[in-house]
Every structure is written in C-alpha cells, then in structure tokens.
Amino acid sequence: MTTDLEGLFHEAGCVGSVHAVRLSDGAEAGHDPDRPWVLASVVKVPIALEFYARADSGALDPSATVTLTPGHGTPGPVGTSQFRDPAVVSLRDLSFLMLTISDNAATDAITTAVGVDAVNRRLHTVGCRDTLVTEDLRSMLDGVAHDLGHDTYDQLLAAQRGDLGPRAQAAATDQDRIDHCRALDPARTSRTTARDATRLLAAVCEGTAASPAACTALLDVMAQQVTRRLGSAVPDGGHLAAKSGSLFGRIRNEIAVVTDPDGETYAVAVLTRAHEPFRGATRINAAIAAAAATALDQFRRR
C-alpha cells in the first residue's frame, strides 16, 4: 500500500502521509505516518479540545463574550475575519465557527481564552509527543510578514496587492521566499504527524483526551464542518467528523473520524504538501480522499 499511496500523491502533484486506525482493535494502515508536517488549520482541533474541556470542567464560561473589532482581528478568508462592523460573540459560538468554517479570528479568540501552553500540555498527556502548537494564528501570519521584510501581515497583504509599488509586490509574491518562511517549515512552526493526529482522534473517541462530554462536544461540531475532503471515503449511511487545513497553496490536510454504517469507527489523517503552490488543488483534494479510502479499505477487506 505504501507504494500505491506514494504514486497516488505523486500523480496528484504532492507528497503526503496517511495513517488510519480501526478503533475497535487498534489495527493500523498507512504511508510515512511519522513524518512531520505543518498543521495549518488542523491546529484548531486541539485548541477546540482544550476549550471544550475547560468549559465542561467549569474553568471557563462558554457563554462569555468577546468583542470583535474589524481591523484588529486575525486575517482570514471567511467568517468573523471578514466582518466590517464590531460584533459581540460568545466563546461557544466562536468555537463553532472555528471548526465548521475554519474562522481564523474566532480561533485566536479561543486560543487567547485557553492559552497555547495548556493546549500543548493536553497534547503531551494524550501521548502526542510529535505535535506542537508554537503560537496563535496572528503570530504565525505576522511571522510570514517578518520573514518577507514587513512589520505585519496586513502590510504584507498590501504589498502583495501592489499598494506599495511593483518592486514591493514582486518581492512579496516571490514563491521561493514564501516557501522559506517559518510557517511552511514543520521544524519551526506548529506541526504534527499523521500518527499523532490519529492518536489524538482516537483518544477523543474513547473519551480520554478530556472528559467524555468535552470529547463528544468536539466531535459533534467537527461533524458540521463545511469542507468535506474525505466525504467520498465515507460509505453511504456512514458518518464523518473532520477538520481540514490549508496554507499558502502548499499545505492541504484533513483529519477525521469515520464511522461505517455497521458502527465500525476509524481515525484517519492525511497530510500533504503540493509540489507547486496554488496548482492542482482539485487533484490533491481528490487524492486526499482516495488515500483515506485506500487505507480504510485495508480494514474493510479483512
């Protein structure tokens, strides 16, 4: 299967790792599962887990509100990151937006509420020793700007639009320079492995990653994610709870809990990096689903 999956990724225009676990007996399947990868928005799963754990324990009030002010939140293509007017939103609703539409501003509000250190402590407790959250999303994006010679990510976006002149635009959109940013280097940014991702999901399914109620809350919201890269890997009548992640046209990930119609449940993770940025997204998304289906079929044929 390793050779088949390696060829599948290559034909799609990327490299990737896959790991799948059948939760009933711990049987495993995959390809290159211990290779480190950039988390991208998959980071939102452990952040949300810590939020639901604290909310269930009473350490945090999920109905507490945050005021989001346009121009001061974390940039992102969807959700509250695009709001033009101030909004008062509860932490509970922000966590929903974080997981379902991958809202960046909502994510950083939740990260502020729980703290990066607490997220990493829980990951360590679960046994995810190859997973690390290094910073919030705003810091990651500003780090990209710094790596490209700008003070903030907003300034970088202005340069990329051409607002700062053609020379600044050329430098800000130089793909080689972007590829060397810390945010795209798993040794220097938030990272995981496919095996660690399934380890986390298995612990969530077992109700040991946090309280059973917190784990159930996380899976319930993950099941409502709008993006469904692994949808075609789920048989008719099955169930999917997933979180995707993308970054700068290079990184495309998805981790998920797949439940077959007969009740058999699997944790699966597919993590990829494109050979060329912003090209072949449809092929890579299809390869992610095909890789997951290939791994899961190893169990279904046994």
C-alpha atoms as a PDB file:
ATOM      1  CA  MET A   1       0.000   0.000   0.000  1.00  0.00           C
ATOM      2  CA  THR A   2       2.908   2.361   0.666  1.00  0.00           C
ATOM      3  CA  THR A   3       3.946   2.279  -2.981  1.00  0.00           C
ATOM      4  CA  ASP A   4       0.366   2.733  -4.168  1.00  0.00           C
ATOM      5  CA  LEU A   5      -0.161   5.778  -1.953  1.00  0.00           C
ATOM      6  CA  GLU A   6       3.178   7.304  -2.863  1.00  0.00           C
ATOM      7  CA  GLY A   7       2.232   7.015  -6.533  1.00  0.00           C
ATOM      8  CA  LEU A   8      -1.228   8.398  -5.853  1.00  0.00           C
ATOM      9  CA  PHE A   9       0.207  11.527  -4.252  1.00  0.00           C
ATOM     10  CA  HIS A  10       2.853  11.943  -6.950  1.00  0.00           C
ATOM     11  CA  GLU A  11       0.282  11.818  -9.734  1.00  0.00           C
ATOM     12  CA  ALA A  12      -1.802  14.425  -7.909  1.00  0.00           C
ATOM     13  CA  GLY A  13       1.165  16.792  -7.637  1.00  0.00           C
ATOM     14  CA  CYS A  14       2.055  16.465  -3.971  1.00  0.00           C
ATOM     15  CA  VAL A  15       3.772  14.401  -1.313  1.00  0.00           C
ATOM     16  CA  GLY A  16       1.830  13.113   1.657  1.00  0.00           C
ATOM     17  CA  SER A  17       1.420  10.928   4.694  1.00  0.00           C
ATOM     18  CA  VAL A  18      -1.547   8.789   5.707  1.00  0.00           C
ATOM     19  CA  HIS A  19      -2.398   6.978   8.904  1.00  0.00           C
ATOM     20  CA  ALA A  20      -5.599   5.166   9.799  1.00  0.00           C
ATOM     21  CA  VAL A  21      -6.549   3.260  12.939  1.00  0.00           C
ATOM     22  CA  ARG A  22      -9.507   0.947  13.484  1.00  0.00           C
ATOM     23  CA  LEU A  23     -10.614   1.914  16.952  1.00  0.00           C
ATOM     24  CA  SER A  24     -12.176  -1.414  17.886  1.00  0.00           C
ATOM     25  CA  ASP A  25      -8.830  -3.223  17.897  1.00  0.00           C
ATOM     26  CA  GLY A  26      -6.079  -0.679  17.162  1.00  0.00           C
ATOM     27  CA  ALA A  27      -5.239  -2.134  13.735  1.00  0.00           C
ATOM     28  CA  GLU A  28      -3.240   0.357  11.646  1.00  0.00           C
ATOM     29  CA  ALA A  29      -2.633   1.168   7.993  1.00  0.00           C
ATOM     30  CA  GLY A  30      -0.828   3.997   6.272  1.00  0.00           C
ATOM     31  CA  HIS A  31       2.130   5.528   4.496  1.00  0.00           C
ATOM     32  CA  ASP A  32       5.005   7.503   6.064  1.00  0.00           C
ATOM     33  CA  PRO A  33       2.965   8.167   9.237  1.00  0.00           C
ATOM     34  CA  ASP A  34       5.790   9.603  11.363  1.00  0.00           C
ATOM     35  CA  ARG A  35       6.925  12.352   9.006  1.00  0.00           C
ATOM     36  CA  PRO A  36       6.395  15.837  10.481  1.00  0.00           C
ATOM     37  CA  TRP A  37       4.015  18.173   8.651  1.00  0.00           C
ATOM     38  CA  VAL A  38       2.729  21.708   9.049  1.00  0.00           C
ATOM     39  CA  LEU A  39      -0.552  21.620  10.999  1.00  0.00           C
ATOM     40  CA  ALA A  40      -2.229  24.549   9.226  1.00  0.00           C
ATOM     41  CA  SER A  41      -5.865  24.777  10.359  1.00  0.00           C
ATOM     42  CA  VAL A  42      -5.836  21.238  11.739  1.00  0.00           C
ATOM     43  CA  VAL A  43      -4.365  23.051  14.773  1.00  0.00           C
ATOM     44  CA  LYS A  44      -7.932  24.083  15.535  1.00  0.00           C
ATOM     45  CA  VAL A  45      -8.799  20.581  16.756  1.00  0.00           C
ATOM     46  CA  PRO A  46      -6.505  20.530  19.823  1.00  0.00           C
ATOM     47  CA  ILE A  47      -7.362  24.179  20.544  1.00  0.00           C
ATOM     48  CA  ALA A  48     -11.068  23.333  20.472  1.00  0.00           C
ATOM     49  CA  LEU A  49     -10.490  20.245  22.617  1.00  0.00           C
ATOM     50  CA  GLU A  50      -8.915  22.375  25.330  1.00  0.00           C
ATOM     51  CA  PHE A  51     -11.801  24.839  25.098  1.00  0.00           C
ATOM     52  CA  TYR A  52     -14.473  22.145  25.488  1.00  0.00           C
ATOM     53  CA  ALA A  53     -12.523  20.532  28.316  1.00  0.00           C
ATOM     54  CA  ARG A  54     -12.366  23.794  30.248  1.00  0.00           C
ATOM     55  CA  ALA A  55     -15.979  24.617  29.530  1.00  0.00           C
ATOM     56  CA  ASP A  56     -17.122  21.224  30.814  1.00  0.00           C
ATOM     57  CA  SER A  57     -14.997  21.467  33.971  1.00  0.00           C
ATOM     58  CA  GLY A  58     -16.327  24.934  34.809  1.00  0.00           C
ATOM     59  CA  ALA A  59     -12.905  26.541  34.452  1.00  0.00           C
ATOM     60  CA  LEU A  60     -14.231  28.662  31.591  1.00  0.00           C
ATOM     61  CA  ASP A  61     -17.675  30.073  30.854  1.00  0.00           C
ATOM     62  CA  PRO A  62     -18.573  29.166  27.264  1.00  0.00           C
ATOM     63  CA  SER A  63     -21.223  31.870  27.193  1.00  0.00           C
ATOM     64  CA  ALA A  64     -18.659  34.583  27.977  1.00  0.00           C
ATOM     65  CA  THR A  65     -18.484  37.068  25.122  1.00  0.00           C
ATOM     66  CA  VAL A  66     -15.703  38.599  23.079  1.00  0.00           C
ATOM     67  CA  THR A  67     -15.980  41.845  21.144  1.00  0.00           C
ATOM     68  CA  LEU A  68     -14.500  41.504  17.669  1.00  0.00           C
ATOM     69  CA  THR A  69     -13.413  44.766  16.092  1.00  0.00           C
ATOM     70  CA  PRO A  70     -12.741  44.954  12.336  1.00  0.00           C
ATOM     71  CA  GLY A  71      -9.113  45.663  11.560  1.00  0.00           C
ATOM     72  CA  HIS A  72      -7.902  44.239  14.864  1.00  0.00           C
ATOM     73  CA  GLY A  73      -8.665  40.549  14.450  1.00  0.00           C
ATOM     74  CA  THR A  74      -6.715  37.806  12.761  1.00  0.00           C
ATOM     75  CA  PRO A  75      -6.872  37.909   8.946  1.00  0.00           C
ATOM     76  CA  GLY A  76      -8.657  35.114   7.142  1.00  0.00           C
ATOM     77  CA  PRO A  77     -10.838  34.448   4.112  1.00  0.00           C
ATOM     78  CA  VAL A  78     -14.077  33.602   5.927  1.00  0.00           C
ATOM     79  CA  GLY A  79     -16.238  34.308   8.948  1.00  0.00           C
ATOM     80  CA  THR A  80     -15.608  36.984  11.531  1.00  0.00           C
ATOM     81  CA  SER A  81     -12.230  37.749   9.941  1.00  0.00           C
ATOM     82  CA  GLN A  82     -14.263  39.425   7.186  1.00  0.00           C
ATOM     83  CA  PHE A  83     -16.683  41.349   9.428  1.00  0.00           C
ATOM     84  CA  ARG A  84     -16.969  45.063   8.683  1.00  0.00           C
ATOM     85  CA  ASP A  85     -18.702  46.007  11.922  1.00  0.00           C
ATOM     86  CA  PRO A  86     -17.969  45.259  15.583  1.00  0.00           C
ATOM     87  CA  ALA A  87     -19.592  42.075  16.852  1.00  0.00           C
ATOM     88  CA  VAL A  88     -20.104  40.572  20.290  1.00  0.00           C
ATOM     89  CA  VAL A  89     -19.893  36.766  20.097  1.00  0.00           C
ATOM     90  CA  SER A  90     -19.805  34.056  22.763  1.00  0.00           C
ATOM     91  CA  LEU A  91     -16.804  31.770  23.092  1.00  0.00           C
ATOM     92  CA  ARG A  92     -19.087  28.811  22.382  1.00  0.00           C
ATOM     93  CA  ASP A  93     -20.210  30.304  19.072  1.00  0.00           C
ATOM     94  CA  LEU A  94     -16.636  31.252  18.187  1.00  0.00           C
ATOM     95  CA  SER A  95     -15.559  27.643  18.741  1.00  0.00           C
ATOM     96  CA  PHE A  96     -18.327  26.564  16.361  1.00  0.00           C
ATOM     97  CA  LEU A  97     -17.102  28.972  13.687  1.00  0.00           C
ATOM     98  CA  MET A  98     -13.503  27.868  14.281  1.00  0.00           C
ATOM     99  CA  LEU A  99     -14.288  24.235  13.478  1.00  0.00           C
ATOM    100  CA  THR A 100     -17.073  24.478  10.904  1.00  0.00           C
ATOM    101  CA  ILE A 101     -15.759  27.216   8.595  1.00  0.00           C
ATOM    102  CA  SER A 102     -12.182  27.494   9.927  1.00  0.00           C
ATOM    103  CA  ASP A 103     -12.600  31.094  11.108  1.00  0.00           C
ATOM    104  CA  ASN A 104      -9.157  32.497  11.983  1.00  0.00           C
ATOM    105  CA  ALA A 105     -10.282  35.414  14.136  1.00  0.00           C
ATOM    106  CA  ALA A 106     -12.550  33.095  16.103  1.00  0.00           C
ATOM    107  CA  THR A 107      -9.665  30.675  16.553  1.00  0.00           C
ATOM    108  CA  ASP A 108      -7.370  33.272  18.048  1.00  0.00           C
ATOM    109  CA  ALA A 109     -10.101  34.423  20.422  1.00  0.00           C
ATOM    110  CA  ILE A 110     -10.402  30.841  21.675  1.00  0.00           C
ATOM    111  CA  THR A 111      -6.613  30.461  21.813  1.00  0.00           C
ATOM    112  CA  THR A 112      -6.404  33.579  23.962  1.00  0.00           C
ATOM    113  CA  ALA A 113      -9.043  32.141  26.301  1.00  0.00           C
ATOM    114  CA  VAL A 114      -7.281  28.786  26.829  1.00  0.00           C
ATOM    115  CA  GLY A 115      -3.588  29.521  26.185  1.00  0.00           C
ATOM    116  CA  VAL A 116      -1.132  27.746  23.908  1.00  0.00           C
ATOM    117  CA  ASP A 117       0.697  26.143  26.849  1.00  0.00           C
ATOM    118  CA  ALA A 118      -2.469  24.409  28.044  1.00  0.00           C
ATOM    119  CA  VAL A 119      -3.124  23.061  24.553  1.00  0.00           C
ATOM    120  CA  ASN A 120       0.382  21.596  24.427  1.00  0.00           C
ATOM    121  CA  ARG A 121       0.091  20.089  27.900  1.00  0.00           C
ATOM    122  CA  ARG A 122      -3.055  18.245  26.886  1.00  0.00           C
ATOM    123  CA  LEU A 123      -1.432  17.010  23.679  1.00  0.00           C
ATOM    124  CA  HIS A 124       1.506  15.716  25.705  1.00  0.00           C
ATOM    125  CA  THR A 125      -0.816  13.991  28.168  1.00  0.00           C
ATOM    126  CA  VAL A 126      -2.640  12.279  25.315  1.00  0.00           C
ATOM    127  CA  GLY A 127       0.702  10.983  24.011  1.00  0.00           C
ATOM    128  CA  CYS A 128       1.083  13.284  21.011  1.00  0.00           C
ATOM    129  CA  ARG A 129       4.800  13.840  21.503  1.00  0.00           C
ATOM    130  CA  ASP A 130       5.407  14.865  17.879  1.00  0.00           C
ATOM    131  CA  THR A 131       2.732  17.548  17.879  1.00  0.00           C
ATOM    132  CA  LEU A 132       3.417  21.118  18.980  1.00  0.00           C
ATOM    133  CA  VAL A 133       1.434  24.349  18.776  1.00  0.00           C
ATOM    134  CA  THR A 134       4.031  27.103  18.620  1.00  0.00           C
ATOM    135  CA  GLU A 135       1.840  30.240  18.501  1.00  0.00           C
ATOM    136  CA  ASP A 136      -1.527  31.668  17.617  1.00  0.00           C
ATOM    137  CA  LEU A 137      -2.528  32.277  14.008  1.00  0.00           C
ATOM    138  CA  ARG A 138      -1.944  36.034  14.101  1.00  0.00           C
ATOM    139  CA  SER A 139       1.624  35.491  15.284  1.00  0.00           C
ATOM    140  CA  MET A 140       2.167  32.890  12.574  1.00  0.00           C
ATOM    141  CA  LEU A 141       0.916  35.240   9.858  1.00  0.00           C
ATOM    142  CA  ASP A 142       2.937  38.181  11.200  1.00  0.00           C
ATOM    143  CA  GLY A 143       5.933  35.840  11.213  1.00  0.00           C
ATOM    144  CA  VAL A 144       5.454  35.308   7.489  1.00  0.00           C
ATOM    145  CA  ALA A 145       5.418  39.072   7.046  1.00  0.00           C
ATOM    146  CA  HIS A 146       8.623  39.454   9.058  1.00  0.00           C
ATOM    147  CA  ASP A 147      10.304  36.724   7.013  1.00  0.00           C
ATOM    148  CA  LEU A 148       9.403  38.695   3.873  1.00  0.00           C
ATOM    149  CA  GLY A 149      10.573  42.042   5.240  1.00  0.00           C
ATOM    150  CA  HIS A 150       7.338  43.556   6.566  1.00  0.00           C
ATOM    151  CA  ASP A 151       6.221  44.508  10.061  1.00  0.00           C
ATOM    152  CA  THR A 152       2.767  42.918   9.956  1.00  0.00           C
ATOM    153  CA  TYR A 153       0.743  40.560   7.822  1.00  0.00           C
ATOM    154  CA  ASP A 154      -1.555  43.449   6.865  1.00  0.00           C
ATOM    155  CA  GLN A 155       1.460  45.257   5.390  1.00  0.00           C
ATOM    156  CA  LEU A 156       2.438  42.124   3.518  1.00  0.00           C
ATOM    157  CA  LEU A 157      -1.058  41.836   2.037  1.00  0.00           C
ATOM    158  CA  ALA A 158      -0.851  45.485   0.940  1.00  0.00           C
ATOM    159  CA  ALA A 159       2.458  44.754  -0.776  1.00  0.00           C
ATOM    160  CA  GLN A 160       1.025  41.672  -2.482  1.00  0.00           C
ATOM    161  CA  ARG A 161      -1.919  43.710  -3.776  1.00  0.00           C
ATOM    162  CA  GLY A 162       0.507  46.209  -5.309  1.00  0.00           C
ATOM    163  CA  ASP A 163      -0.368  49.043  -2.924  1.00  0.00           C
ATOM    164  CA  LEU A 164       3.321  49.578  -2.107  1.00  0.00           C
ATOM    165  CA  GLY A 165       4.576  49.568  -5.686  1.00  0.00           C
ATOM    166  CA  PRO A 166       5.683  46.984  -8.243  1.00  0.00           C
ATOM    167  CA  ARG A 167       9.039  46.161  -6.635  1.00  0.00           C
ATOM    168  CA  ALA A 168       7.442  45.503  -3.267  1.00  0.00           C
ATOM    169  CA  GLN A 169       4.748  43.422  -4.942  1.00  0.00           C
ATOM    170  CA  ALA A 170       7.310  41.291  -6.771  1.00  0.00           C
ATOM    171  CA  ALA A 171       9.242  40.660  -3.551  1.00  0.00           C
ATOM    172  CA  ALA A 172       6.102  39.907  -1.546  1.00  0.00           C
ATOM    173  CA  THR A 173       4.851  37.363  -4.072  1.00  0.00           C
ATOM    174  CA  ASP A 174       8.199  35.654  -4.725  1.00  0.00           C
ATOM    175  CA  GLN A 175       7.295  31.995  -4.215  1.00  0.00           C
ATOM    176  CA  ASP A 176      10.815  30.911  -3.315  1.00  0.00           C
ATOM    177  CA  ARG A 177      10.913  33.451  -0.491  1.00  0.00           C
ATOM    178  CA  ILE A 178       7.459  32.397   0.703  1.00  0.00           C
ATOM    179  CA  ASP A 179       8.484  28.731   0.676  1.00  0.00           C
ATOM    180  CA  HIS A 180      11.363  29.530   3.033  1.00  0.00           C
ATOM    181  CA  CYS A 181       9.117  31.182   5.630  1.00  0.00           C
ATOM    182  CA  ARG A 182       8.942  29.596   9.068  1.00  0.00           C
ATOM    183  CA  ALA A 183       5.213  28.960   8.657  1.00  0.00           C
ATOM    184  CA  LEU A 184       5.892  26.369   5.948  1.00  0.00           C
ATOM    185  CA  ASP A 185       8.714  24.619   7.809  1.00  0.00           C
ATOM    186  CA  PRO A 186       7.458  21.907  10.194  1.00  0.00           C
ATOM    187  CA  ALA A 187      10.672  22.211  12.203  1.00  0.00           C
ATOM    188  CA  ARG A 188       9.833  25.832  13.050  1.00  0.00           C
ATOM    189  CA  THR A 189       6.046  26.071  13.160  1.00  0.00           C
ATOM    190  CA  SER A 190       3.005  24.269  14.570  1.00  0.00           C
ATOM    191  CA  ARG A 191       3.342  20.683  13.478  1.00  0.00           C
ATOM    192  CA  THR A 192       2.131  17.106  13.775  1.00  0.00           C
ATOM    193  CA  THR A 193       2.431  13.688  12.182  1.00  0.00           C
ATOM    194  CA  ALA A 194      -0.321  11.541  10.713  1.00  0.00           C
ATOM    195  CA  ARG A 195       0.180   9.017  13.520  1.00  0.00           C
ATOM    196  CA  ASP A 196      -0.090  11.700  16.203  1.00  0.00           C
ATOM    197  CA  ALA A 197      -3.233  13.086  14.581  1.00  0.00           C
ATOM    198  CA  THR A 198      -4.960   9.707  14.710  1.00  0.00           C
ATOM    199  CA  ARG A 199      -3.705   9.180  18.256  1.00  0.00           C
ATOM    200  CA  LEU A 200      -5.431  12.403  19.280  1.00  0.00           C
ATOM    201  CA  LEU A 201      -8.644  11.494  17.479  1.00  0.00           C
ATOM    202  CA  ALA A 202      -8.652   8.001  18.987  1.00  0.00           C
ATOM    203  CA  ALA A 203      -8.335   9.478  22.473  1.00  0.00           C
ATOM    204  CA  VAL A 204     -11.201  11.849  21.702  1.00  0.00           C
ATOM    205  CA  CYS A 205     -13.382   8.965  20.519  1.00  0.00           C
ATOM    206  CA  GLU A 206     -12.508   6.987  23.641  1.00  0.00           C
ATOM    207  CA  GLY A 207     -13.355   9.964  25.862  1.00  0.00           C
ATOM    208  CA  THR A 208      -9.878  10.015  27.409  1.00  0.00           C
ATOM    209  CA  ALA A 209      -8.430  13.120  25.731  1.00  0.00           C
ATOM    210  CA  ALA A 210     -10.638  15.180  28.056  1.00  0.00           C
ATOM    211  CA  SER A 211     -13.953  14.489  29.800  1.00  0.00           C
ATOM    212  CA  PRO A 212     -16.366  12.339  27.760  1.00  0.00           C
ATOM    213  CA  ALA A 213     -18.726  15.309  27.465  1.00  0.00           C
ATOM    214  CA  ALA A 214     -15.958  17.556  26.119  1.00  0.00           C
ATOM    215  CA  CYS A 215     -14.886  14.918  23.606  1.00  0.00           C
ATOM    216  CA  THR A 216     -18.465  14.437  22.423  1.00  0.00           C
ATOM    217  CA  ALA A 217     -18.914  18.190  22.025  1.00  0.00           C
ATOM    218  CA  LEU A 218     -15.784  18.390  19.868  1.00  0.00           C
ATOM    219  CA  LEU A 219     -16.863  15.545  17.590  1.00  0.00           C
ATOM    220  CA  ASP A 220     -20.391  16.924  17.274  1.00  0.00           C
ATOM    221  CA  VAL A 221     -19.095  20.227  15.916  1.00  0.00           C
ATOM    222  CA  MET A 222     -16.430  18.600  13.710  1.00  0.00           C
ATOM    223  CA  ALA A 223     -19.261  16.660  12.078  1.00  0.00           C
ATOM    224  CA  GLN A 224     -20.674  20.006  10.903  1.00  0.00           C
ATOM    225  CA  GLN A 225     -17.542  21.163   9.073  1.00  0.00           C
ATOM    226  CA  VAL A 226     -18.432  22.669   5.704  1.00  0.00           C
ATOM    227  CA  THR A 227     -15.331  21.333   3.925  1.00  0.00           C
ATOM    228  CA  ARG A 228     -15.538  17.574   3.365  1.00  0.00           C
ATOM    229  CA  ARG A 229     -12.362  16.455   1.604  1.00  0.00           C
ATOM    230  CA  LEU A 230     -12.844  12.942   2.944  1.00  0.00           C
ATOM    231  CA  GLY A 231     -16.526  12.773   2.078  1.00  0.00           C
ATOM    232  CA  SER A 232     -16.041  10.258  -0.734  1.00  0.00           C
ATOM    233  CA  ALA A 233     -14.123   7.948   1.637  1.00  0.00           C
ATOM    234  CA  VAL A 234     -17.271   7.504   3.747  1.00  0.00           C
ATOM    235  CA  PRO A 235     -19.721   4.823   2.585  1.00  0.00           C
ATOM    236  CA  ASP A 236     -23.403   5.613   2.163  1.00  0.00           C
ATOM    237  CA  GLY A 237     -25.008   5.697   5.581  1.00  0.00           C
ATOM    238  CA  GLY A 238     -21.693   6.400   7.289  1.00  0.00           C
ATOM    239  CA  HIS A 239     -20.674   9.409   9.368  1.00  0.00           C
ATOM    240  CA  LEU A 240     -17.803  11.894   9.133  1.00  0.00           C
ATOM    241  CA  ALA A 241     -16.400  14.275  11.760  1.00  0.00           C
ATOM    242  CA  ALA A 242     -13.435  16.124  10.275  1.00  0.00           C
ATOM    243  CA  LYS A 243     -11.176  19.160  10.216  1.00  0.00           C
ATOM    244  CA  SER A 244      -9.310  20.374   7.165  1.00  0.00           C
ATOM    245  CA  GLY A 245      -6.308  22.647   6.896  1.00  0.00           C
ATOM    246  CA  SER A 246      -4.736  24.657   4.075  1.00  0.00           C
ATOM    247  CA  LEU A 247      -1.891  27.144   3.937  1.00  0.00           C
ATOM    248  CA  PHE A 248      -0.411  29.298   1.162  1.00  0.00           C
ATOM    249  CA  GLY A 249      -1.348  26.912  -1.632  1.00  0.00           C
ATOM    250  CA  ARG A 250       1.188  24.360  -0.391  1.00  0.00           C
ATOM    251  CA  ILE A 251      -0.412  22.609   2.582  1.00  0.00           C
ATOM    252  CA  ARG A 252      -3.655  20.627   2.347  1.00  0.00           C
ATOM    253  CA  ASN A 253      -4.619  18.370   5.245  1.00  0.00           C
ATOM    254  CA  GLU A 254      -7.614  16.601   6.665  1.00  0.00           C
ATOM    255  CA  ILE A 255      -8.038  14.561   9.828  1.00  0.00           C
ATOM    256  CA  ALA A 256     -11.260  12.767  10.620  1.00  0.00           C
ATOM    257  CA  VAL A 257     -13.260  10.188  12.474  1.00  0.00           C
ATOM    258  CA  VAL A 258     -15.103   7.946  10.012  1.00  0.00           C
ATOM    259  CA  THR A 259     -17.905   5.682  11.162  1.00  0.00           C
ATOM    260  CA  ASP A 260     -19.195   2.974   8.827  1.00  0.00           C
ATOM    261  CA  PRO A 261     -22.897   2.095   8.672  1.00  0.00           C
ATOM    262  CA  ASP A 262     -22.199  -1.017  10.769  1.00  0.00           C
ATOM    263  CA  GLY A 263     -20.777   1.157  13.559  1.00  0.00           C
ATOM    264  CA  GLU A 264     -17.077   0.380  12.960  1.00  0.00           C
ATOM    265  CA  THR A 265     -15.129   3.571  13.657  1.00  0.00           C
ATOM    266  CA  TYR A 266     -11.753   4.734  12.356  1.00  0.00           C
ATOM    267  CA  ALA A 267      -9.426   7.661  12.970  1.00  0.00           C
ATOM    268  CA  VAL A 268      -7.686   8.796   9.796  1.00  0.00           C
ATOM    269  CA  ALA A 269      -5.259  11.570   8.900  1.00  0.00           C
ATOM    270  CA  VAL A 270      -3.966  12.682   5.503  1.00  0.00           C
ATOM    271  CA  LEU A 271      -1.325  15.424   5.438  1.00  0.00           C
ATOM    272  CA  THR A 272       0.133  16.798   2.184  1.00  0.00           C
ATOM    273  CA  ARG A 273       2.375  19.389   0.581  1.00  0.00           C
ATOM    274  CA  ALA A 274       1.930  20.422  -3.047  1.00  0.00           C
ATOM    275  CA  HIS A 275       4.849  20.367  -5.477  1.00  0.00           C
ATOM    276  CA  GLU A 276       3.659  23.686  -6.905  1.00  0.00           C
ATOM    277  CA  PRO A 277       1.665  26.262  -4.944  1.00  0.00           C
ATOM    278  CA  PHE A 278      -1.927  27.075  -5.890  1.00  0.00           C
ATOM    279  CA  ARG A 279      -1.972  24.440  -8.622  1.00  0.00           C
ATOM    280  CA  GLY A 280      -3.860  21.179  -8.815  1.00  0.00           C
ATOM    281  CA  ALA A 281      -5.998  21.773  -5.732  1.00  0.00           C
ATOM    282  CA  THR A 282      -8.835  19.647  -7.130  1.00  0.00           C
ATOM    283  CA  ARG A 283      -6.474  16.759  -7.895  1.00  0.00           C
ATOM    284  CA  ILE A 284      -4.850  16.943  -4.475  1.00  0.00           C
ATOM    285  CA  ASN A 285      -8.190  17.068  -2.666  1.00  0.00           C
ATOM    286  CA  ALA A 286      -9.275  14.012  -4.633  1.00  0.00           C
ATOM    287  CA  ALA A 287      -6.003  12.272  -3.740  1.00  0.00           C
ATOM    288  CA  ILE A 288      -6.564  13.026  -0.049  1.00  0.00           C
ATOM    289  CA  ALA A 289      -9.932  11.277  -0.191  1.00  0.00           C
ATOM    290  CA  ALA A 290      -8.545   8.411  -2.265  1.00  0.00           C
ATOM    291  CA  ALA A 291      -5.639   7.916   0.140  1.00  0.00           C
ATOM    292  CA  ALA A 292      -8.007   7.760   3.092  1.00  0.00           C
ATOM    293  CA  ALA A 293     -10.274   5.332   1.258  1.00  0.00           C
ATOM    294  CA  THR A 294      -7.301   3.135   0.339  1.00  0.00           C
ATOM    295  CA  ALA A 295      -6.181   2.963   3.966  1.00  0.00           C
ATOM    296  CA  LEU A 296      -9.681   2.264   5.263  1.00  0.00           C
ATOM    297  CA  ASP A 297     -10.264  -0.428   2.654  1.00  0.00           C
ATOM    298  CA  GLN A 298      -7.353  -2.347   4.161  1.00  0.00           C
ATOM    299  CA  PHE A 299      -9.535  -2.906   7.211  1.00  0.00           C
ATOM    300  CA  ARG A 300     -12.788  -3.468   5.392  1.00  0.00           C
ATOM    301  CA  ARG A 301     -11.295  -6.300   3.335  1.00  0.00           C
ATOM    302  CA  ARG A 302     -10.001  -8.135   6.407  1.00  0.00           C
END
